[in-house]
Amino acid sequence: MRDDIKINERAATISDQIIAKLQNIYDPEIGLDIYNLGLIYEIELDDAGSSRVVLTFTEMGCGCIDSVPNEIKAALVEIEEIKDVEVEIVWAPTWKMNRISRFGRISLGISPR
């Protein structure tokens, strides 16, 4: 799990499954998944199976603002422990390029440093 994502203890127990799902959701304009792009800020899961994902986008005019939250919901409810998903879009803190993971930088041809 990235150390720049706030994750509660319950979600941390299935973080590998959550990450795998998020890595299959792409920003179509950039061609990188939302996890490695650094769009995810927070993941919570309660005992009843309700999950909350806080994310941002690279800009307010991002063409995937309508589709990505629905993709997140559809992907995460495939995990047995997750019954429903709330997606919250935030604009603060502002997304910056330094949120892109090392893997993401290499994939995009950006210096990994």
PDB file of N, CA and C in Angstrom:
ATOM      1  N   MET A   1       0.836  -1.179   0.000  1.00  0.00           N
ATOM      2  CA  MET A   1       0.000   0.000   0.000  1.00  0.00           C
ATOM      3  C   MET A   1       0.883   1.244   0.000  1.00  0.00           C
ATOM      4  N   ARG A   2       0.492   2.202  -0.776  1.00  0.00           N
ATOM      5  CA  ARG A   2       1.232   3.475  -0.814  1.00  0.00           C
ATOM      6  C   ARG A   2       1.126   4.157   0.542  1.00  0.00           C
ATOM      7  N   ASP A   3       2.190   4.810   0.950  1.00  0.00           N
ATOM      8  CA  ASP A   3       2.141   5.487   2.250  1.00  0.00           C
ATOM      9  C   ASP A   3       1.473   6.860   2.174  1.00  0.00           C
ATOM     10  N   ASP A   4       1.090   7.307   0.989  1.00  0.00           N
ATOM     11  CA  ASP A   4       0.394   8.585   0.868  1.00  0.00           C
ATOM     12  C   ASP A   4      -1.125   8.413   0.810  1.00  0.00           C
ATOM     13  N   ILE A   5      -1.613   7.194   1.044  1.00  0.00           N
ATOM     14  CA  ILE A   5      -3.044   6.922   1.087  1.00  0.00           C
ATOM     15  C   ILE A   5      -3.419   6.598   2.532  1.00  0.00           C
ATOM     16  N   LYS A   6      -4.404   7.307   3.046  1.00  0.00           N
ATOM     17  CA  LYS A   6      -4.894   7.027   4.386  1.00  0.00           C
ATOM     18  C   LYS A   6      -5.850   5.838   4.281  1.00  0.00           C
ATOM     19  N   ILE A   7      -5.564   4.793   5.065  1.00  0.00           N
ATOM     20  CA  ILE A   7      -6.382   3.581   5.020  1.00  0.00           C
ATOM     21  C   ILE A   7      -6.650   3.109   6.443  1.00  0.00           C
ATOM     22  N   ASN A   8      -7.897   2.788   6.728  1.00  0.00           N
ATOM     23  CA  ASN A   8      -8.183   2.331   8.085  1.00  0.00           C
ATOM     24  C   ASN A   8      -7.794   0.855   8.241  1.00  0.00           C
ATOM     25  N   GLU A   9      -7.815   0.407   9.484  1.00  0.00           N
ATOM     26  CA  GLU A   9      -7.313  -0.929   9.812  1.00  0.00           C
ATOM     27  C   GLU A   9      -8.076  -2.042   9.090  1.00  0.00           C
ATOM     28  N   ARG A  10      -9.391  -1.936   9.027  1.00  0.00           N
ATOM     29  CA  ARG A  10     -10.216  -2.975   8.380  1.00  0.00           C
ATOM     30  C   ARG A  10      -9.909  -3.059   6.887  1.00  0.00           C
ATOM     31  N   ALA A  11      -9.786  -1.913   6.224  1.00  0.00           N
ATOM     32  CA  ALA A  11      -9.466  -1.904   4.793  1.00  0.00           C
ATOM     33  C   ALA A  11      -8.049  -2.432   4.557  1.00  0.00           C
ATOM     34  N   ALA A  12      -7.154  -2.168   5.494  1.00  0.00           N
ATOM     35  CA  ALA A  12      -5.768  -2.625   5.348  1.00  0.00           C
ATOM     36  C   ALA A  12      -5.681  -4.149   5.291  1.00  0.00           C
ATOM     37  N   THR A  13      -6.614  -4.838   5.936  1.00  0.00           N
ATOM     38  CA  THR A  13      -6.562  -6.305   5.941  1.00  0.00           C
ATOM     39  C   THR A  13      -6.833  -6.894   4.558  1.00  0.00           C
ATOM     40  N   ILE A  14      -7.485  -6.145   3.685  1.00  0.00           N
ATOM     41  CA  ILE A  14      -7.755  -6.626   2.317  1.00  0.00           C
ATOM     42  C   ILE A  14      -7.170  -5.662   1.281  1.00  0.00           C
ATOM     43  N   SER A  15      -6.149  -4.917   1.680  1.00  0.00           N
ATOM     44  CA  SER A  15      -5.583  -3.888   0.798  1.00  0.00           C
ATOM     45  C   SER A  15      -5.064  -4.462  -0.518  1.00  0.00           C
ATOM     46  N   ASP A  16      -4.522  -5.676  -0.516  1.00  0.00           N
ATOM     47  CA  ASP A  16      -4.035  -6.271  -1.763  1.00  0.00           C
ATOM     48  C   ASP A  16      -5.164  -6.425  -2.784  1.00  0.00           C
ATOM     49  N   GLN A  17      -6.332  -6.856  -2.294  1.00  0.00           N
ATOM     50  CA  GLN A  17      -7.476  -7.011  -3.188  1.00  0.00           C
ATOM     51  C   GLN A  17      -7.978  -5.652  -3.689  1.00  0.00           C
ATOM     52  N   ILE A  18      -8.022  -4.677  -2.791  1.00  0.00           N
ATOM     53  CA  ILE A  18      -8.479  -3.331  -3.155  1.00  0.00           C
ATOM     54  C   ILE A  18      -7.546  -2.725  -4.191  1.00  0.00           C
ATOM     55  N   ILE A  19      -6.250  -2.815  -3.954  1.00  0.00           N
ATOM     56  CA  ILE A  19      -5.262  -2.263  -4.884  1.00  0.00           C
ATOM     57  C   ILE A  19      -5.392  -2.920  -6.253  1.00  0.00           C
ATOM     58  N   ALA A  20      -5.530  -4.228  -6.272  1.00  0.00           N
ATOM     59  CA  ALA A  20      -5.651  -4.946  -7.548  1.00  0.00           C
ATOM     60  C   ALA A  20      -6.846  -4.420  -8.344  1.00  0.00           C
ATOM     61  N   LYS A  21      -7.947  -4.160  -7.673  1.00  0.00           N
ATOM     62  CA  LYS A  21      -9.133  -3.628  -8.358  1.00  0.00           C
ATOM     63  C   LYS A  21      -8.884  -2.208  -8.863  1.00  0.00           C
ATOM     64  N   LEU A  22      -8.279  -1.363  -8.036  1.00  0.00           N
ATOM     65  CA  LEU A  22      -8.024   0.025  -8.425  1.00  0.00           C
ATOM     66  C   LEU A  22      -7.013   0.127  -9.560  1.00  0.00           C
ATOM     67  N   GLN A  23      -6.102  -0.829  -9.636  1.00  0.00           N
ATOM     68  CA  GLN A  23      -5.105  -0.820 -10.702  1.00  0.00           C
ATOM     69  C   GLN A  23      -5.692  -1.220 -12.053  1.00  0.00           C
ATOM     70  N   ASN A  24      -6.942  -1.612 -12.062  1.00  0.00           N
ATOM     71  CA  ASN A  24      -7.614  -1.945 -13.316  1.00  0.00           C
ATOM     72  C   ASN A  24      -8.576  -0.859 -13.778  1.00  0.00           C
ATOM     73  N   ILE A  25      -8.552   0.289 -13.099  1.00  0.00           N
ATOM     74  CA  ILE A  25      -9.389   1.429 -13.473  1.00  0.00           C
ATOM     75  C   ILE A  25      -8.459   2.527 -13.971  1.00  0.00           C
ATOM     76  N   TYR A  26      -8.627   2.912 -15.229  1.00  0.00           N
ATOM     77  CA  TYR A  26      -7.693   3.830 -15.874  1.00  0.00           C
ATOM     78  C   TYR A  26      -8.272   5.216 -16.113  1.00  0.00           C
ATOM     79  N   ASP A  27      -7.396   6.194 -16.038  1.00  0.00           N
ATOM     80  CA  ASP A  27      -7.711   7.528 -16.534  1.00  0.00           C
ATOM     81  C   ASP A  27      -7.450   7.445 -18.030  1.00  0.00           C
ATOM     82  N   PRO A  28      -8.491   7.466 -18.861  1.00  0.00           N
ATOM     83  CA  PRO A  28      -8.310   7.240 -20.293  1.00  0.00           C
ATOM     84  C   PRO A  28      -7.488   8.315 -21.003  1.00  0.00           C
ATOM     85  N   GLU A  29      -7.471   9.513 -20.454  1.00  0.00           N
ATOM     86  CA  GLU A  29      -6.707  10.598 -21.083  1.00  0.00           C
ATOM     87  C   GLU A  29      -5.214  10.452 -20.840  1.00  0.00           C
ATOM     88  N   ILE A  30      -4.852   9.872 -19.695  1.00  0.00           N
ATOM     89  CA  ILE A  30      -3.437   9.728 -19.340  1.00  0.00           C
ATOM     90  C   ILE A  30      -2.934   8.325 -19.634  1.00  0.00           C
ATOM     91  N   GLY A  31      -3.811   7.336 -19.559  1.00  0.00           N
ATOM     92  CA  GLY A  31      -3.416   5.962 -19.846  1.00  0.00           C
ATOM     93  C   GLY A  31      -2.713   5.280 -18.694  1.00  0.00           C
ATOM     94  N   LEU A  32      -3.041   5.702 -17.470  1.00  0.00           N
ATOM     95  CA  LEU A  32      -2.455   5.105 -16.276  1.00  0.00           C
ATOM     96  C   LEU A  32      -3.590   4.845 -15.289  1.00  0.00           C
ATOM     97  N   ASP A  33      -3.453   3.788 -14.498  1.00  0.00           N
ATOM     98  CA  ASP A  33      -4.510   3.479 -13.538  1.00  0.00           C
ATOM     99  C   ASP A  33      -4.571   4.515 -12.422  1.00  0.00           C
ATOM    100  N   ILE A  34      -5.746   4.617 -11.797  1.00  0.00           N
ATOM    101  CA  ILE A  34      -5.979   5.660 -10.790  1.00  0.00           C
ATOM    102  C   ILE A  34      -5.155   5.457  -9.524  1.00  0.00           C
ATOM    103  N   TYR A  35      -4.764   4.227  -9.232  1.00  0.00           N
ATOM    104  CA  TYR A  35      -3.933   3.962  -8.064  1.00  0.00           C
ATOM    105  C   TYR A  35      -2.524   4.510  -8.271  1.00  0.00           C
ATOM    106  N   ASN A  36      -1.885   4.120  -9.361  1.00  0.00           N
ATOM    107  CA  ASN A  36      -0.513   4.577  -9.615  1.00  0.00           C
ATOM    108  C   ASN A  36      -0.450   6.038 -10.025  1.00  0.00           C
ATOM    109  N   LEU A  37      -1.548   6.569 -10.512  1.00  0.00           N
ATOM    110  CA  LEU A  37      -1.614   7.989 -10.841  1.00  0.00           C
ATOM    111  C   LEU A  37      -1.691   8.839  -9.574  1.00  0.00           C
ATOM    112  N   GLY A  38      -2.067   8.221  -8.461  1.00  0.00           N
ATOM    113  CA  GLY A  38      -2.110   8.945  -7.185  1.00  0.00           C
ATOM    114  C   GLY A  38      -3.413   9.683  -6.944  1.00  0.00           C
ATOM    115  N   LEU A  39      -4.485   9.232  -7.580  1.00  0.00           N
ATOM    116  CA  LEU A  39      -5.771   9.909  -7.412  1.00  0.00           C
ATOM    117  C   LEU A  39      -6.492   9.504  -6.127  1.00  0.00           C
ATOM    118  N   ILE A  40      -6.121   8.371  -5.551  1.00  0.00           N
ATOM    119  CA  ILE A  40      -6.774   7.876  -4.336  1.00  0.00           C
ATOM    120  C   ILE A  40      -6.115   8.498  -3.111  1.00  0.00           C
ATOM    121  N   TYR A  41      -6.914   9.123  -2.258  1.00  0.00           N
ATOM    122  CA  TYR A  41      -6.408   9.750  -1.032  1.00  0.00           C
ATOM    123  C   TYR A  41      -6.718   8.935   0.222  1.00  0.00           C
ATOM    124  N   GLU A  42      -7.865   8.242   0.220  1.00  0.00           N
ATOM    125  CA  GLU A  42      -8.289   7.574   1.443  1.00  0.00           C
ATOM    126  C   GLU A  42      -9.199   6.392   1.119  1.00  0.00           C
ATOM    127  N   ILE A  43      -9.053   5.316   1.917  1.00  0.00           N
ATOM    128  CA  ILE A  43      -9.911   4.137   1.783  1.00  0.00           C
ATOM    129  C   ILE A  43     -10.321   3.692   3.181  1.00  0.00           C
ATOM    130  N   GLU A  44     -11.624   3.555   3.380  1.00  0.00           N
ATOM    131  CA  GLU A  44     -12.143   3.085   4.661  1.00  0.00           C
ATOM    132  C   GLU A  44     -13.075   1.904   4.415  1.00  0.00           C
ATOM    133  N   LEU A  45     -13.153   1.035   5.396  1.00  0.00           N
ATOM    134  CA  LEU A  45     -14.079  -0.085   5.368  1.00  0.00           C
ATOM    135  C   LEU A  45     -14.562  -0.315   6.787  1.00  0.00           C
ATOM    136  N   ASP A  46     -15.884  -0.398   6.984  1.00  0.00           N
ATOM    137  CA  ASP A  46     -16.392  -0.652   8.324  1.00  0.00           C
ATOM    138  C   ASP A  46     -16.777  -2.122   8.483  1.00  0.00           C
ATOM    139  N   ASP A  47     -17.183  -2.486   9.684  1.00  0.00           N
ATOM    140  CA  ASP A  47     -17.507  -3.880   9.995  1.00  0.00           C
ATOM    141  C   ASP A  47     -18.710  -4.406   9.224  1.00  0.00           C
ATOM    142  N   ALA A  48     -19.575  -3.512   8.770  1.00  0.00           N
ATOM    143  CA  ALA A  48     -20.766  -3.918   8.012  1.00  0.00           C
ATOM    144  C   ALA A  48     -20.473  -4.105   6.527  1.00  0.00           C
ATOM    145  N   GLY A  49     -19.257  -3.789   6.100  1.00  0.00           N
ATOM    146  CA  GLY A  49     -18.884  -3.946   4.696  1.00  0.00           C
ATOM    147  C   GLY A  49     -19.080  -2.700   3.855  1.00  0.00           C
ATOM    148  N   SER A  50     -19.337  -1.569   4.513  1.00  0.00           N
ATOM    149  CA  SER A  50     -19.460  -0.305   3.781  1.00  0.00           C
ATOM    150  C   SER A  50     -18.086   0.309   3.610  1.00  0.00           C
ATOM    151  N   SER A  51     -17.783   0.671   2.383  1.00  0.00           N
ATOM    152  CA  SER A  51     -16.477   1.244   2.064  1.00  0.00           C
ATOM    153  C   SER A  51     -16.655   2.690   1.619  1.00  0.00           C
ATOM    154  N   ARG A  52     -15.670   3.491   1.915  1.00  0.00           N
ATOM    155  CA  ARG A  52     -15.636   4.886   1.476  1.00  0.00           C
ATOM    156  C   ARG A  52     -14.283   5.119   0.828  1.00  0.00           C
ATOM    157  N   VAL A  53     -14.310   5.649  -0.394  1.00  0.00           N
ATOM    158  CA  VAL A  53     -13.082   5.951  -1.116  1.00  0.00           C
ATOM    159  C   VAL A  53     -13.079   7.445  -1.409  1.00  0.00           C
ATOM    160  N   VAL A  54     -12.000   8.102  -1.024  1.00  0.00           N
ATOM    161  CA  VAL A  54     -11.839   9.531  -1.291  1.00  0.00           C
ATOM    162  C   VAL A  54     -10.801   9.669  -2.388  1.00  0.00           C
ATOM    163  N   LEU A  55     -11.168  10.391  -3.442  1.00  0.00           N
ATOM    164  CA  LEU A  55     -10.228  10.578  -4.531  1.00  0.00           C
ATOM    165  C   LEU A  55     -10.349  11.963  -5.123  1.00  0.00           C
ATOM    166  N   THR A  56      -9.402  12.283  -5.946  1.00  0.00           N
ATOM    167  CA  THR A  56      -9.400  13.538  -6.673  1.00  0.00           C
ATOM    168  C   THR A  56      -9.147  13.225  -8.135  1.00  0.00           C
ATOM    169  N   PHE A  57      -9.069  14.239  -8.932  1.00  0.00           N
ATOM    170  CA  PHE A  57      -8.733  14.095 -10.345  1.00  0.00           C
ATOM    171  C   PHE A  57      -7.625  15.078 -10.673  1.00  0.00           C
ATOM    172  N   THR A  58      -6.986  14.860 -11.809  1.00  0.00           N
ATOM    173  CA  THR A  58      -5.858  15.713 -12.187  1.00  0.00           C
ATOM    174  C   THR A  58      -6.304  17.145 -12.454  1.00  0.00           C
ATOM    175  N   GLU A  59      -7.567  17.307 -12.863  1.00  0.00           N
ATOM    176  CA  GLU A  59      -8.130  18.649 -13.089  1.00  0.00           C
ATOM    177  C   GLU A  59      -9.650  18.560 -13.056  1.00  0.00           C
ATOM    178  N   MET A  60     -10.294  19.693 -12.837  1.00  0.00           N
ATOM    179  CA  MET A  60     -11.756  19.700 -12.736  1.00  0.00           C
ATOM    180  C   MET A  60     -12.439  19.302 -14.040  1.00  0.00           C
ATOM    181  N   GLY A  61     -11.801  19.534 -15.146  1.00  0.00           N
ATOM    182  CA  GLY A  61     -12.396  19.206 -16.437  1.00  0.00           C
ATOM    183  C   GLY A  61     -12.080  17.811 -16.930  1.00  0.00           C
ATOM    184  N   CYS A  62     -11.565  16.981 -16.062  1.00  0.00           N
ATOM    185  CA  CYS A  62     -11.196  15.609 -16.435  1.00  0.00           C
ATOM    186  C   CYS A  62     -12.414  14.880 -17.007  1.00  0.00           C
ATOM    187  N   GLY A  63     -12.238  14.264 -18.154  1.00  0.00           N
ATOM    188  CA  GLY A  63     -13.330  13.598 -18.838  1.00  0.00           C
ATOM    189  C   GLY A  63     -13.846  12.344 -18.160  1.00  0.00           C
ATOM    190  N   CYS A  64     -13.135  11.846 -17.154  1.00  0.00           N
ATOM    191  CA  CYS A  64     -13.562  10.600 -16.512  1.00  0.00           C
ATOM    192  C   CYS A  64     -14.204  10.827 -15.148  1.00  0.00           C
ATOM    193  N   ILE A  65     -14.538  12.062 -14.822  1.00  0.00           N
ATOM    194  CA  ILE A  65     -15.153  12.368 -13.526  1.00  0.00           C
ATOM    195  C   ILE A  65     -16.464  11.607 -13.337  1.00  0.00           C
ATOM    196  N   ASP A  66     -17.218  11.435 -14.396  1.00  0.00           N
ATOM    197  CA  ASP A  66     -18.495  10.729 -14.284  1.00  0.00           C
ATOM    198  C   ASP A  66     -18.333   9.217 -14.274  1.00  0.00           C
ATOM    199  N   SER A  67     -17.351   8.701 -15.002  1.00  0.00           N
ATOM    200  CA  SER A  67     -17.222   7.252 -15.136  1.00  0.00           C
ATOM    201  C   SER A  67     -16.408   6.587 -14.033  1.00  0.00           C
ATOM    202  N   VAL A  68     -15.335   7.197 -13.572  1.00  0.00           N
ATOM    203  CA  VAL A  68     -14.441   6.553 -12.608  1.00  0.00           C
ATOM    204  C   VAL A  68     -15.126   6.208 -11.287  1.00  0.00           C
ATOM    205  N   PRO A  69     -15.917   7.094 -10.680  1.00  0.00           N
ATOM    206  CA  PRO A  69     -16.585   6.691  -9.433  1.00  0.00           C
ATOM    207  C   PRO A  69     -17.457   5.447  -9.598  1.00  0.00           C
ATOM    208  N   ASN A  70     -18.167   5.352 -10.705  1.00  0.00           N
ATOM    209  CA  ASN A  70     -18.991   4.161 -10.950  1.00  0.00           C
ATOM    210  C   ASN A  70     -18.131   2.920 -11.160  1.00  0.00           C
ATOM    211  N   GLU A  71     -16.998   3.079 -11.823  1.00  0.00           N
ATOM    212  CA  GLU A  71     -16.081   1.952 -12.013  1.00  0.00           C
ATOM    213  C   GLU A  71     -15.513   1.481 -10.681  1.00  0.00           C
ATOM    214  N   ILE A  72     -15.193   2.424  -9.790  1.00  0.00           N
ATOM    215  CA  ILE A  72     -14.684   2.078  -8.458  1.00  0.00           C
ATOM    216  C   ILE A  72     -15.733   1.272  -7.697  1.00  0.00           C
ATOM    217  N   LYS A  73     -16.956   1.771  -7.696  1.00  0.00           N
ATOM    218  CA  LYS A  73     -18.043   1.071  -6.988  1.00  0.00           C
ATOM    219  C   LYS A  73     -18.218  -0.348  -7.528  1.00  0.00           C
ATOM    220  N   ALA A  74     -18.295  -0.478  -8.843  1.00  0.00           N
ATOM    221  CA  ALA A  74     -18.510  -1.793  -9.459  1.00  0.00           C
ATOM    222  C   ALA A  74     -17.358  -2.745  -9.157  1.00  0.00           C
ATOM    223  N   ALA A  75     -16.135  -2.245  -9.166  1.00  0.00           N
ATOM    224  CA  ALA A  75     -14.971  -3.101  -8.935  1.00  0.00           C
ATOM    225  C   ALA A  75     -14.863  -3.545  -7.481  1.00  0.00           C
ATOM    226  N   LEU A  76     -15.057  -2.622  -6.560  1.00  0.00           N
ATOM    227  CA  LEU A  76     -14.843  -2.957  -5.152  1.00  0.00           C
ATOM    228  C   LEU A  76     -15.928  -3.853  -4.577  1.00  0.00           C
ATOM    229  N   VAL A  77     -17.158  -3.758  -5.064  1.00  0.00           N
ATOM    230  CA  VAL A  77     -18.197  -4.657  -4.532  1.00  0.00           C
ATOM    231  C   VAL A  77     -17.991  -6.096  -4.995  1.00  0.00           C
ATOM    232  N   GLU A  78     -17.066  -6.321  -5.914  1.00  0.00           N
ATOM    233  CA  GLU A  78     -16.701  -7.682  -6.300  1.00  0.00           C
ATOM    234  C   GLU A  78     -15.881  -8.379  -5.210  1.00  0.00           C
ATOM    235  N   ILE A  79     -15.338  -7.590  -4.283  1.00  0.00           N
ATOM    236  CA  ILE A  79     -14.578  -8.144  -3.159  1.00  0.00           C
ATOM    237  C   ILE A  79     -15.590  -8.603  -2.103  1.00  0.00           C
ATOM    238  N   GLU A  80     -15.447  -9.814  -1.645  1.00  0.00           N
ATOM    239  CA  GLU A  80     -16.421 -10.434  -0.737  1.00  0.00           C
ATOM    240  C   GLU A  80     -16.731  -9.584   0.498  1.00  0.00           C
ATOM    241  N   GLU A  81     -15.726  -8.978   1.078  1.00  0.00           N
ATOM    242  CA  GLU A  81     -15.896  -8.218   2.324  1.00  0.00           C
ATOM    243  C   GLU A  81     -16.580  -6.859   2.114  1.00  0.00           C
ATOM    244  N   ILE A  82     -16.689  -6.405   0.887  1.00  0.00           N
ATOM    245  CA  ILE A  82     -17.261  -5.084   0.607  1.00  0.00           C
ATOM    246  C   ILE A  82     -18.678  -5.239   0.066  1.00  0.00           C
ATOM    247  N   LYS A  83     -19.629  -4.632   0.760  1.00  0.00           N
ATOM    248  CA  LYS A  83     -21.047  -4.728   0.387  1.00  0.00           C
ATOM    249  C   LYS A  83     -21.521  -3.513  -0.410  1.00  0.00           C
ATOM    250  N   ASP A  84     -21.032  -2.328  -0.049  1.00  0.00           N
ATOM    251  CA  ASP A  84     -21.383  -1.119  -0.792  1.00  0.00           C
ATOM    252  C   ASP A  84     -20.232  -0.123  -0.708  1.00  0.00           C
ATOM    253  N   VAL A  85     -20.227   0.808  -1.656  1.00  0.00           N
ATOM    254  CA  VAL A  85     -19.109   1.745  -1.775  1.00  0.00           C
ATOM    255  C   VAL A  85     -19.645   3.155  -1.977  1.00  0.00           C
ATOM    256  N   GLU A  86     -19.111   4.070  -1.195  1.00  0.00           N
ATOM    257  CA  GLU A  86     -19.370   5.495  -1.375  1.00  0.00           C
ATOM    258  C   GLU A  86     -18.079   6.111  -1.904  1.00  0.00           C
ATOM    259  N   VAL A  87     -18.185   6.874  -2.982  1.00  0.00           N
ATOM    260  CA  VAL A  87     -17.015   7.542  -3.547  1.00  0.00           C
ATOM    261  C   VAL A  87     -17.176   9.036  -3.334  1.00  0.00           C
ATOM    262  N   GLU A  88     -16.180   9.631  -2.698  1.00  0.00           N
ATOM    263  CA  GLU A  88     -16.189  11.072  -2.438  1.00  0.00           C
ATOM    264  C   GLU A  88     -15.086  11.730  -3.261  1.00  0.00           C
ATOM    265  N   ILE A  89     -15.467  12.708  -4.055  1.00  0.00           N
ATOM    266  CA  ILE A  89     -14.501  13.456  -4.859  1.00  0.00           C
ATOM    267  C   ILE A  89     -14.146  14.733  -4.102  1.00  0.00           C
ATOM    268  N   VAL A  90     -12.847  14.964  -3.950  1.00  0.00           N
ATOM    269  CA  VAL A  90     -12.360  16.173  -3.276  1.00  0.00           C
ATOM    270  C   VAL A  90     -11.392  16.912  -4.192  1.00  0.00           C
ATOM    271  N   TRP A  91     -11.243  18.200  -3.947  1.00  0.00           N
ATOM    272  CA  TRP A  91     -10.312  19.011  -4.750  1.00  0.00           C
ATOM    273  C   TRP A  91      -9.178  19.554  -3.904  1.00  0.00           C
ATOM    274  N   ALA A  92      -9.183  19.241  -2.611  1.00  0.00           N
ATOM    275  CA  ALA A  92      -8.101  19.661  -1.727  1.00  0.00           C
ATOM    276  C   ALA A  92      -7.723  18.457  -0.870  1.00  0.00           C
ATOM    277  N   PRO A  93      -6.478  18.131  -0.759  1.00  0.00           N
ATOM    278  CA  PRO A  93      -5.371  18.820  -1.418  1.00  0.00           C
ATOM    279  C   PRO A  93      -5.379  18.584  -2.928  1.00  0.00           C
ATOM    280  N   THR A  94      -4.875  19.545  -3.628  1.00  0.00           N
ATOM    281  CA  THR A  94      -4.805  19.486  -5.077  1.00  0.00           C
ATOM    282  C   THR A  94      -3.863  18.369  -5.504  1.00  0.00           C
ATOM    283  N   TRP A  95      -4.268  17.632  -6.539  1.00  0.00           N
ATOM    284  CA  TRP A  95      -3.400  16.587  -7.074  1.00  0.00           C
ATOM    285  C   TRP A  95      -2.163  17.238  -7.690  1.00  0.00           C
ATOM    286  N   LYS A  96      -1.028  16.614  -7.455  1.00  0.00           N
ATOM    287  CA  LYS A  96       0.238  17.081  -8.039  1.00  0.00           C
ATOM    288  C   LYS A  96       0.955  15.886  -8.645  1.00  0.00           C
ATOM    289  N   MET A  97       1.802  16.145  -9.605  1.00  0.00           N
ATOM    290  CA  MET A  97       2.524  15.069 -10.300  1.00  0.00           C
ATOM    291  C   MET A  97       3.357  14.208  -9.364  1.00  0.00           C
ATOM    292  N   ASN A  98       3.782  14.758  -8.221  1.00  0.00           N
ATOM    293  CA  ASN A  98       4.601  13.961  -7.310  1.00  0.00           C
ATOM    294  C   ASN A  98       3.801  12.833  -6.651  1.00  0.00           C
ATOM    295  N   ARG A  99       2.488  12.781  -6.862  1.00  0.00           N
ATOM    296  CA  ARG A  99       1.670  11.675  -6.357  1.00  0.00           C
ATOM    297  C   ARG A  99       1.757  10.441  -7.258  1.00  0.00           C
ATOM    298  N   ILE A 100       2.271  10.598  -8.455  1.00  0.00           N
ATOM    299  CA  ILE A 100       2.409   9.449  -9.355  1.00  0.00           C
ATOM    300  C   ILE A 100       3.466   8.508  -8.776  1.00  0.00           C
ATOM    301  N   SER A 101       3.128   7.229  -8.711  1.00  0.00           N
ATOM    302  CA  SER A 101       4.056   6.236  -8.154  1.00  0.00           C
ATOM    303  C   SER A 101       5.289   6.072  -9.047  1.00  0.00           C
ATOM    304  N   ARG A 102       6.295   5.415  -8.495  1.00  0.00           N
ATOM    305  CA  ARG A 102       7.513   5.131  -9.270  1.00  0.00           C
ATOM    306  C   ARG A 102       7.151   4.325 -10.519  1.00  0.00           C
ATOM    307  N   PHE A 103       6.323   3.288 -10.349  1.00  0.00           N
ATOM    308  CA  PHE A 103       5.862   2.485 -11.476  1.00  0.00           C
ATOM    309  C   PHE A 103       5.150   3.367 -12.499  1.00  0.00           C
ATOM    310  N   GLY A 104       4.285   4.248 -12.024  1.00  0.00           N
ATOM    311  CA  GLY A 104       3.543   5.135 -12.913  1.00  0.00           C
ATOM    312  C   GLY A 104       4.450   6.071 -13.692  1.00  0.00           C
ATOM    313  N   ARG A 105       5.464   6.590 -13.021  1.00  0.00           N
ATOM    314  CA  ARG A 105       6.411   7.492 -13.693  1.00  0.00           C
ATOM    315  C   ARG A 105       7.162   6.758 -14.803  1.00  0.00           C
ATOM    316  N   ILE A 106       7.583   5.545 -14.506  1.00  0.00           N
ATOM    317  CA  ILE A 106       8.292   4.762 -15.507  1.00  0.00           C
ATOM    318  C   ILE A 106       7.368   4.468 -16.676  1.00  0.00           C
ATOM    319  N   SER A 107       6.125   4.088 -16.383  1.00  0.00           N
ATOM    320  CA  SER A 107       5.143   3.777 -17.438  1.00  0.00           C
ATOM    321  C   SER A 107       4.873   4.977 -18.342  1.00  0.00           C
ATOM    322  N   LEU A 108       4.897   6.165 -17.745  1.00  0.00           N
ATOM    323  CA  LEU A 108       4.607   7.378 -18.518  1.00  0.00           C
ATOM    324  C   LEU A 108       5.860   8.003 -19.133  1.00  0.00           C
ATOM    325  N   GLY A 109       7.021   7.407 -18.850  1.00  0.00           N
ATOM    326  CA  GLY A 109       8.261   7.934 -19.400  1.00  0.00           C
ATOM    327  C   GLY A 109       8.769   9.162 -18.664  1.00  0.00           C
ATOM    328  N   ILE A 110       8.379   9.289 -17.406  1.00  0.00           N
ATOM    329  CA  ILE A 110       8.824  10.392 -16.558  1.00  0.00           C
ATOM    330  C   ILE A 110       9.926   9.862 -15.649  1.00  0.00           C
ATOM    331  N   SER A 111      10.897  10.684 -15.322  1.00  0.00           N
ATOM    332  CA  SER A 111      11.966  10.255 -14.426  1.00  0.00           C
ATOM    333  C   SER A 111      11.367   9.745 -13.110  1.00  0.00           C
ATOM    334  N   PRO A 112      11.755   8.535 -12.680  1.00  0.00           N
ATOM    335  CA  PRO A 112      11.186   7.969 -11.459  1.00  0.00           C
ATOM    336  C   PRO A 112      11.602   8.709 -10.183  1.00  0.00           C
ATOM    337  N   ARG A 113      12.441   9.686 -10.281  1.00  0.00           N
ATOM    338  CA  ARG A 113      12.874  10.451  -9.109  1.00  0.00           C
ATOM    339  C   ARG A 113      12.079  11.672  -9.026  1.00  0.00           C
TER     340      ARG A 113
END
